[in-house]
Amino acid sequence: MTKQNSIETDRLYLRPPAPEDFDAWAAFMADTEVQEFLGGVQPRGGAWRSLCLMAGSWSIMGYGMFSVLEKASGQWIGRIGPWQPEGWPGTEVGWGLARSAWGKGYAVEAACASMDWAFTHLGWSEVIHCIDPRNGNSQQVAKRLGSRLLRQGKLPEPFNIELDLWGQNREEWAARNGKPDVTRA
């Protein structure tokens, strides 16, 4: 893994998924409340496949959601970052945190770093967040990031779920953060 594929924030480390993440990843995927808006609970075997799917995205696409580690404890607390599988409604920075990490501002902190990374390293011109209209917590994260409701969208097979697409473009992100326009690195 190169430095370019990892991010450090004040309280978090973000890096591509690794085998040592699996037990925490499996617990995350088995939590009914956590998975309510993330596609539903998966058994341990399904969690293994989803971890490998994300690692495969890093291998094939050069990006995927990061594993998020809390600096203070070293614990895996979620997955956040760029995501655009075949047929996806746009270039997404998404998030999902273990319940123990909720309410601490970690989603905003990690998503902000991931959006910077996507605009800088991937050269994306827009970032979206696919959010179920009933998911008020994710809507609040999106608002704190400066994102707004852009349009409706539909996830591809096998999901076929209609969702709200929140987000912003590169120029809006740069203006919000008081930075010059971010260019491809």
Protein backbone atom coordinates (compact mmCIF):
# COMPACT_ATOMS: atom_id res chain seq x y z
CA MET A 1 0.00 0.00 0.00
CA THR A 2 1.34 3.42 -0.89
CA LYS A 3 0.88 6.56 1.14
CA GLN A 4 -1.39 7.80 -1.65
CA ASN A 5 -3.90 5.07 -0.69
CA SER A 6 -4.15 6.01 2.97
CA ILE A 7 -5.37 9.08 4.81
CA GLU A 8 -4.80 10.30 8.33
CA THR A 9 -7.18 12.75 10.02
CA ASP A 10 -7.07 14.14 13.54
CA ARG A 11 -8.77 11.07 15.01
CA LEU A 12 -8.82 8.45 12.26
CA TYR A 13 -6.74 6.35 9.90
CA LEU A 14 -8.29 5.45 6.54
CA ARG A 15 -6.72 2.69 4.45
CA PRO A 16 -7.78 -0.04 2.02
CA PRO A 17 -9.48 -3.04 3.68
CA ALA A 18 -7.17 -5.74 5.03
CA PRO A 19 -7.67 -9.31 6.29
CA GLU A 20 -7.34 -8.22 9.92
CA ASP A 21 -10.51 -6.12 9.49
CA PHE A 22 -12.68 -9.17 8.93
CA ASP A 23 -14.03 -9.91 12.42
CA ALA A 24 -15.10 -6.29 12.98
CA TRP A 25 -16.40 -6.10 9.38
CA ALA A 26 -18.49 -9.25 9.96
CA ALA A 27 -19.95 -7.83 13.19
CA PHE A 28 -20.79 -4.59 11.32
CA MET A 29 -22.53 -6.56 8.56
CA ALA A 30 -24.49 -8.63 11.13
CA ASP A 31 -25.90 -5.63 13.05
CA THR A 32 -29.55 -5.15 12.10
CA GLU A 33 -29.70 -1.48 13.11
CA VAL A 34 -26.47 -0.60 11.28
CA GLN A 35 -27.53 -2.42 8.11
CA GLU A 36 -31.07 -0.98 7.97
CA PHE A 37 -30.13 1.38 5.12
CA LEU A 38 -27.02 -0.44 3.85
CA GLY A 39 -28.59 -3.38 2.06
CA GLY A 40 -29.51 -5.58 5.02
CA VAL A 41 -27.76 -7.98 7.35
CA GLN A 42 -25.27 -10.43 5.90
CA PRO A 43 -24.10 -13.70 7.45
CA ARG A 44 -20.37 -14.16 8.08
CA GLY A 45 -19.81 -15.72 4.62
CA GLY A 46 -21.55 -12.79 2.95
CA ALA A 47 -19.49 -10.37 5.02
CA TRP A 48 -16.32 -12.09 3.79
CA ARG A 49 -17.45 -11.66 0.19
CA SER A 50 -18.27 -7.96 0.76
CA LEU A 51 -14.84 -7.36 2.31
CA CYS A 52 -13.22 -9.07 -0.68
CA LEU A 53 -15.45 -7.08 -3.05
CA MET A 54 -14.15 -3.83 -1.57
CA ALA A 55 -10.54 -5.08 -1.65
CA GLY A 56 -11.10 -6.14 -5.27
CA SER A 57 -12.31 -2.64 -6.13
CA TRP A 58 -9.00 -1.30 -4.84
CA SER A 59 -7.15 -3.82 -6.98
CA ILE A 60 -9.13 -3.30 -10.18
CA MET A 61 -10.21 0.35 -9.98
CA GLY A 62 -7.45 1.79 -7.78
CA TYR A 63 -9.98 2.93 -5.20
CA GLY A 64 -12.81 1.70 -3.00
CA MET A 65 -14.17 2.43 0.42
CA PHE A 66 -11.50 2.80 3.06
CA SER A 67 -11.45 0.84 6.27
CA VAL A 68 -11.75 3.41 9.05
CA LEU A 69 -9.66 2.89 12.17
CA GLU A 70 -9.98 4.93 15.33
CA LYS A 71 -6.52 6.25 16.23
CA ALA A 72 -7.05 6.18 20.00
CA SER A 73 -8.02 2.49 20.12
CA GLY A 74 -6.76 1.10 16.81
CA GLN A 75 -10.22 -0.44 16.34
CA TRP A 76 -11.90 -0.88 12.96
CA ILE A 77 -15.04 1.27 13.12
CA GLY A 78 -16.42 1.30 9.59
CA ARG A 79 -16.00 1.80 5.89
CA ILE A 80 -16.13 5.16 4.17
CA GLY A 81 -14.97 6.42 0.82
CA PRO A 82 -15.21 6.42 -2.96
CA TRP A 83 -17.41 3.83 -4.61
CA GLN A 84 -18.66 3.39 -8.15
CA PRO A 85 -19.46 -0.18 -9.19
CA GLU A 86 -20.85 -0.92 -12.65
CA GLY A 87 -24.20 0.79 -13.21
CA TRP A 88 -23.95 3.01 -10.10
CA PRO A 89 -25.80 6.33 -10.40
CA GLY A 90 -22.62 8.39 -10.02
CA THR A 91 -19.27 8.83 -8.32
CA GLU A 92 -20.15 8.22 -4.69
CA VAL A 93 -18.45 8.82 -1.39
CA GLY A 94 -20.49 6.70 0.98
CA TRP A 95 -20.28 5.80 4.64
CA GLY A 96 -21.20 3.14 7.12
CA LEU A 97 -20.01 3.01 10.71
CA ALA A 98 -20.30 0.48 13.50
CA ARG A 99 -22.91 1.54 16.02
CA SER A 100 -20.23 2.17 18.68
CA ALA A 101 -18.84 4.94 16.44
CA TRP A 102 -22.13 6.77 15.90
CA GLY A 103 -22.61 10.30 17.21
CA LYS A 104 -18.90 11.16 17.42
CA GLY A 105 -18.52 13.07 14.16
CA TYR A 106 -16.43 10.27 12.61
CA ALA A 107 -18.64 9.97 9.51
CA VAL A 108 -18.19 13.65 8.65
CA GLU A 109 -14.45 13.59 9.44
CA ALA A 110 -13.77 10.50 7.30
CA ALA A 111 -16.15 11.49 4.48
CA CYS A 112 -14.57 14.95 4.28
CA ALA A 113 -11.10 13.40 3.95
CA SER A 114 -12.45 10.90 1.39
CA MET A 115 -14.05 13.65 -0.68
CA ASP A 116 -10.78 15.60 -0.72
CA TRP A 117 -9.04 12.38 -1.80
CA ALA A 118 -11.60 11.62 -4.54
CA PHE A 119 -11.45 15.12 -6.01
CA THR A 120 -7.64 15.26 -5.79
CA HIS A 121 -6.49 11.71 -6.59
CA LEU A 122 -9.35 10.47 -8.76
CA GLY A 123 -10.11 13.75 -10.50
CA TRP A 124 -13.85 13.40 -9.92
CA SER A 125 -15.97 16.40 -10.90
CA GLU A 126 -18.93 15.43 -8.67
CA VAL A 127 -19.42 13.40 -5.53
CA ILE A 128 -22.81 11.92 -4.67
CA HIS A 129 -24.13 10.16 -1.58
CA CYS A 130 -26.87 7.55 -2.15
CA ILE A 131 -29.26 8.03 0.78
CA ASP A 132 -32.54 6.33 1.58
CA PRO A 133 -35.16 9.10 2.03
CA ARG A 134 -35.95 7.66 5.51
CA ASN A 135 -32.31 7.89 6.67
CA GLY A 136 -32.27 11.20 8.54
CA ASN A 137 -28.86 10.52 10.11
CA SER A 138 -27.14 10.19 6.73
CA GLN A 139 -28.98 13.26 5.46
CA GLN A 140 -27.49 15.19 8.40
CA VAL A 141 -23.99 13.91 7.56
CA ALA A 142 -24.50 15.03 3.94
CA LYS A 143 -25.65 18.48 5.07
CA ARG A 144 -22.62 18.84 7.36
CA LEU A 145 -20.43 18.06 4.35
CA GLY A 146 -22.12 20.88 2.45
CA SER A 147 -23.99 18.50 0.16
CA ARG A 148 -27.56 19.02 -0.98
CA LEU A 149 -30.28 16.90 -2.53
CA LEU A 150 -29.40 16.77 -6.24
CA ARG A 151 -31.81 14.30 -7.78
CA GLN A 152 -33.43 10.89 -7.48
CA GLY A 153 -31.54 7.80 -8.56
CA LYS A 154 -31.80 4.04 -8.70
CA LEU A 155 -29.22 1.48 -7.70
CA PRO A 156 -28.55 -1.22 -10.30
CA GLU A 157 -29.32 -4.94 -10.04
CA PRO A 158 -29.53 -6.74 -7.70
CA PHE A 159 -30.63 -3.79 -5.54
CA ASN A 160 -33.18 -1.90 -7.70
CA ILE A 161 -33.66 0.62 -4.90
CA GLU A 162 -34.83 4.19 -5.53
CA LEU A 163 -32.77 6.61 -3.45
CA ASP A 164 -32.10 10.29 -2.99
CA LEU A 165 -28.78 11.38 -4.47
CA TRP A 166 -27.15 14.08 -2.38
CA GLY A 167 -23.84 15.68 -3.29
CA GLN A 168 -21.88 18.53 -4.74
CA ASN A 169 -19.43 19.30 -7.49
CA ARG A 170 -15.69 19.98 -7.29
CA GLU A 171 -16.10 23.76 -7.41
CA GLU A 172 -18.68 23.80 -4.61
CA TRP A 173 -16.42 21.60 -2.48
CA ALA A 174 -13.39 23.83 -3.10
CA ALA A 175 -15.39 26.99 -2.29
CA ARG A 176 -16.83 25.49 0.88
CA ASN A 177 -13.40 24.51 2.13
CA GLY A 178 -11.75 27.80 1.19
CA LYS A 179 -9.42 26.01 -1.21
CA PRO A 180 -8.54 26.72 -4.79
CA ASP A 181 -10.03 24.36 -7.36
CA VAL A 182 -8.73 20.85 -6.73
CA THR A 183 -6.90 19.39 -9.72
CA ARG A 184 -6.06 15.84 -10.62
CA ALA A 185 -2.84 14.72 -8.92
